[in-house]
Amino acid sequence: MSTTSHAAAWLKHIRQDVQSMHAYAIQDSTGMVKLDAMENPFSLPPELQKQLGERLGALALNRYPGDRINVLRTQLAKYANMPEGFDIMLGNGSDELITLIAMACDVPGASILAPLPGFVMYAMSAQLQGVTFHGVPLTAHFELDEAAMLSAIATHQPAVVYLAYPNNPTGTLWDSEVIERIVLAQGAQGGLVVMDEAYQPFASQTYMDRVAKHGHVLLMRTLSKFGLAGVRLGYMVGPKALIAEIDKVRPPYNISVLNCECALFALEHADVFAAQAVQIRQEREKLSQSLAQLPGVLVFPSQANMLLVRMPDATKCFEGMKSKGILVKNVSKMHPLLANCLRLTVGTPEENVRMLAALKESL
């Protein structure tokens, strides 16, 4: 039997919707200034690298993760100022937590709802779990369309509403009063709200000081933007009973001893990462002001470590920057509201100068 006929035979076992999907695309960044994935551009100081290396080298890699995971849960809860009566669960990045939420809430007729454009994993996790996804467009200025959101909640009665605070890819920190009305409406119909604070280190507000008022709200964060994108560690806090139910679908040992120890080490040196976040916020404002001076470029306000910019021809500019060794994200085809938009990660001061120069030449 030929290779082709073998392929045709096994394809019948792959879901049709999976066959029609595209895998999550990661751009090749070899030799490039990598400003496409909202990573913290700063590495650990050499002395801390040495200390961490010694610590990781002493781990018992022949053993499954043990009580250090609970030590990390305790330290993260303290770091995040988790409210009394709440609990915390860990994921292999926020992506896994989003998948586990879809899995746990997959009852007959369930749906998930989120504003669009937004983080692609909300819709992807729903689709892969066989849960209906409803996207509600933002306004032209990337604010929440309150009337449309409330109408969609009333019509679809979703199991879960995701609100990214700030939002990806727009960097928007939505109006807190609008958010509260959406949270109350979702709670009134018996659904859950997940506040996704992936970009919290760069934002002026957090929902953590309000989350305790509600019994149906989960708050999710990640250490990726904190400065540990390579470690893959997300965490989610919520009322104990609610976390206990979602935790039942978590795979055993989903956090490796390496992930765990890296995260504990980072929390012990949180001041280093906080200083990096301050510098990133300062660079964001400088970059925003410089971009606003360019003819034909519109810069949207951001409270994340990225800037969304609209220009006359985003694809031409993206390719021009790439040819000059600068890799950013072309989001112009992700949603109609993002037409001719690029998403620029805030880098080091030197990287930002190079990015700005490449962008000017590519316009």
Foldseek 3Di string as FASTA:
>chain_A
DDPVVVVVVCVVVDDPVVVPDDPDDDDDQVLFPDWADQFLQDDDDPVLVVVLVVVVVPDPQVDFDDCLVVVLQVLVCVVLVADPQKGKDKALAVLRVLLLVLQLLPDPLAEEEEEPPFDPSNCVSCVVNVHHYYYHYDPLLRERPLVRLLVCCVVRVHQEYEDEQQTPPAQDRYDPVSVVVSCVSSVVSPHAYEYEDQQVLQAPDDCSVVQVVDQRYKYKYGCRNLRPVVLRMIMIMHRPVVCVSSCVPDDPSNHGPSSSSVSVSCSVVSVVSSVSSVQLNVLVVVLQVLQVPAPQKDWRDHSGQKIKIAGPAQVQLQVQLVVVRHHHAQCCPVDVSSNRITITGRHHPVNSVSSSVSSNVRD
